[in-house]
C-alpha atoms as a PDB file:
ATOM      1  CA  UNK A   1       0.000   0.000   0.000  1.00  0.00           C
ATOM      2  CA  UNK A   2       2.783   2.436   0.892  1.00  0.00           C
ATOM      3  CA  UNK A   3       4.629   1.471  -2.299  1.00  0.00           C
ATOM      4  CA  UNK A   4       1.585   2.246  -4.448  1.00  0.00           C
ATOM      5  CA  UNK A   5       1.096   5.553  -2.651  1.00  0.00           C
ATOM      6  CA  UNK A   6       4.765   6.438  -3.197  1.00  0.00           C
ATOM      7  CA  UNK A   7       4.466   5.611  -6.903  1.00  0.00           C
ATOM      8  CA  UNK A   8       1.315   7.724  -7.237  1.00  0.00           C
ATOM      9  CA  UNK A   9       3.017  10.652  -5.487  1.00  0.00           C
ATOM     10  CA  UNK A  10       6.100  10.278  -7.676  1.00  0.00           C
ATOM     11  CA  UNK A  11       4.009  10.217 -10.841  1.00  0.00           C
ATOM     12  CA  UNK A  12       1.972  13.224  -9.661  1.00  0.00           C
ATOM     13  CA  UNK A  13       5.156  15.153  -8.847  1.00  0.00           C
ATOM     14  CA  UNK A  14       6.703  14.233 -12.190  1.00  0.00           C
ATOM     15  CA  UNK A  15       3.596  15.226 -14.179  1.00  0.00           C
ATOM     16  CA  UNK A  16       3.283  18.498 -12.290  1.00  0.00           C
ATOM     17  CA  UNK A  17       6.781  19.851 -11.704  1.00  0.00           C
ATOM     18  CA  UNK A  18       9.195  18.458 -14.294  1.00  0.00           C
ATOM     19  CA  UNK A  19      10.276  20.439 -17.340  1.00  0.00           C
ATOM     20  CA  UNK A  20       7.450  18.878 -19.379  1.00  0.00           C
ATOM     21  CA  UNK A  21       4.860  19.060 -16.614  1.00  0.00           C
ATOM     22  CA  UNK A  22       1.829  21.228 -16.046  1.00  0.00           C
ATOM     23  CA  UNK A  23       3.742  23.945 -14.195  1.00  0.00           C
ATOM     24  CA  UNK A  24       6.179  24.380 -17.077  1.00  0.00           C
ATOM     25  CA  UNK A  25       3.265  24.352 -19.516  1.00  0.00           C
ATOM     26  CA  UNK A  26       1.533  27.222 -17.732  1.00  0.00           C
ATOM     27  CA  UNK A  27       4.771  29.192 -17.510  1.00  0.00           C
ATOM     28  CA  UNK A  28       5.336  28.773 -21.251  1.00  0.00           C
ATOM     29  CA  UNK A  29       1.732  29.685 -21.965  1.00  0.00           C
ATOM     30  CA  UNK A  30       2.096  32.910 -19.956  1.00  0.00           C
ATOM     31  CA  UNK A  31       5.365  33.713 -21.733  1.00  0.00           C
ATOM     32  CA  UNK A  32       3.708  33.110 -25.116  1.00  0.00           C
ATOM     33  CA  UNK A  33       0.874  35.493 -24.219  1.00  0.00           C
ATOM     34  CA  UNK A  34       3.361  38.147 -23.054  1.00  0.00           C
ATOM     35  CA  UNK A  35       5.325  37.837 -26.296  1.00  0.00           C
ATOM     36  CA  UNK A  36       2.157  38.014 -28.421  1.00  0.00           C
ATOM     37  CA  UNK A  37       1.166  41.220 -26.613  1.00  0.00           C
ATOM     38  CA  UNK A  38       4.643  42.618 -27.224  1.00  0.00           C
ATOM     39  CA  UNK A  39       4.395  41.696 -30.919  1.00  0.00           C
ATOM     40  CA  UNK A  40       1.027  43.480 -31.190  1.00  0.00           C
ATOM     41  CA  UNK A  41       2.482  46.566 -29.538  1.00  0.00           C
ATOM     42  CA  UNK A  42       5.493  46.562 -31.860  1.00  0.00           C
ATOM     43  CA  UNK A  43       3.231  46.148 -34.910  1.00  0.00           C
ATOM     44  CA  UNK A  44       1.247  49.219 -33.845  1.00  0.00           C
ATOM     45  CA  UNK A  45       4.483  51.160 -33.389  1.00  0.00           C
ATOM     46  CA  UNK A  46       5.660  50.025 -36.835  1.00  0.00           C
ATOM     47  CA  UNK A  47       2.402  51.143 -38.434  1.00  0.00           C
ATOM     48  CA  UNK A  48       2.660  54.526 -36.762  1.00  0.00           C
ATOM     49  CA  UNK A  49       6.255  54.962 -37.914  1.00  0.00           C
ATOM     50  CA  UNK A  50       5.368  53.939 -41.477  1.00  0.00           C
ATOM     51  CA  UNK A  51       2.623  56.580 -41.537  1.00  0.00           C
ATOM     52  CA  UNK A  52       5.055  59.213 -40.295  1.00  0.00           C
ATOM     53  CA  UNK A  53       7.609  58.194 -42.945  1.00  0.00           C
ATOM     54  CA  UNK A  54       4.985  58.600 -45.682  1.00  0.00           C
ATOM     55  CA  UNK A  55       4.022  62.003 -44.307  1.00  0.00           C
ATOM     56  CA  UNK A  56       7.655  63.102 -44.219  1.00  0.00           C
ATOM     57  CA  UNK A  57       8.208  61.881 -47.776  1.00  0.00           C
ATOM     58  CA  UNK A  58       5.148  63.667 -49.150  1.00  0.00           C
ATOM     59  CA  UNK A  59       4.642  66.789 -47.037  1.00  0.00           C
ATOM     60  CA  UNK A  60       6.939  69.777 -46.813  1.00  0.00           C
ATOM     61  CA  UNK A  61       4.798  71.105 -43.959  1.00  0.00           C
ATOM     62  CA  UNK A  62       5.432  67.943 -41.925  1.00  0.00           C
ATOM     63  CA  UNK A  63       9.182  68.181 -42.567  1.00  0.00           C
ATOM     64  CA  UNK A  64       9.155  71.815 -41.437  1.00  0.00           C
ATOM     65  CA  UNK A  65       7.140  70.961 -38.313  1.00  0.00           C
ATOM     66  CA  UNK A  66       9.564  68.209 -37.308  1.00  0.00           C
ATOM     67  CA  UNK A  67      12.586  70.398 -38.037  1.00  0.00           C
ATOM     68  CA  UNK A  68      11.191  73.192 -35.883  1.00  0.00           C
ATOM     69  CA  UNK A  69       9.861  71.113 -32.981  1.00  0.00           C
ATOM     70  CA  UNK A  70      12.413  68.369 -32.729  1.00  0.00           C
ATOM     71  CA  UNK A  71      15.585  70.083 -33.881  1.00  0.00           C
ATOM     72  CA  UNK A  72      14.845  73.722 -32.998  1.00  0.00           C
ATOM     73  CA  UNK A  73      15.524  74.943 -36.525  1.00  0.00           C
ATOM     74  CA  UNK A  74      14.329  78.365 -37.662  1.00  0.00           C
ATOM     75  CA  UNK A  75      14.052  80.190 -40.959  1.00  0.00           C
ATOM     76  CA  UNK A  76      16.564  82.961 -41.655  1.00  0.00           C
ATOM     77  CA  UNK A  77      15.505  86.170 -39.922  1.00  0.00           C
ATOM     78  CA  UNK A  78      13.132  84.500 -37.443  1.00  0.00           C
ATOM     79  CA  UNK A  79      13.489  85.045 -33.728  1.00  0.00           C
ATOM     80  CA  UNK A  80      12.874  82.396 -31.085  1.00  0.00           C
ATOM     81  CA  UNK A  81      11.160  83.236 -27.833  1.00  0.00           C
ATOM     82  CA  UNK A  82      11.374  80.607 -25.097  1.00  0.00           C
ATOM     83  CA  UNK A  83       8.912  80.593 -22.221  1.00  0.00           C
ATOM     84  CA  UNK A  84       9.486  78.673 -19.043  1.00  0.00           C
END
């Protein structure tokens, strides 16, 4: 009886906690879900960047806006006023 109980416990432990057991399965499943969410986020970022690239390729106004806001560029003769 004790031998059978020990075997059952050993099998249960093996099925649950080994590298191919349920615990590992749920860890891998959670990791897969995390990675899928990260992929979705990166795809959205890619789409946004592609749209901005198209705007920059086709719009002089967008290029000027980026040059002014991001790089602080000004046209000749313009004055910059900074407010804090």
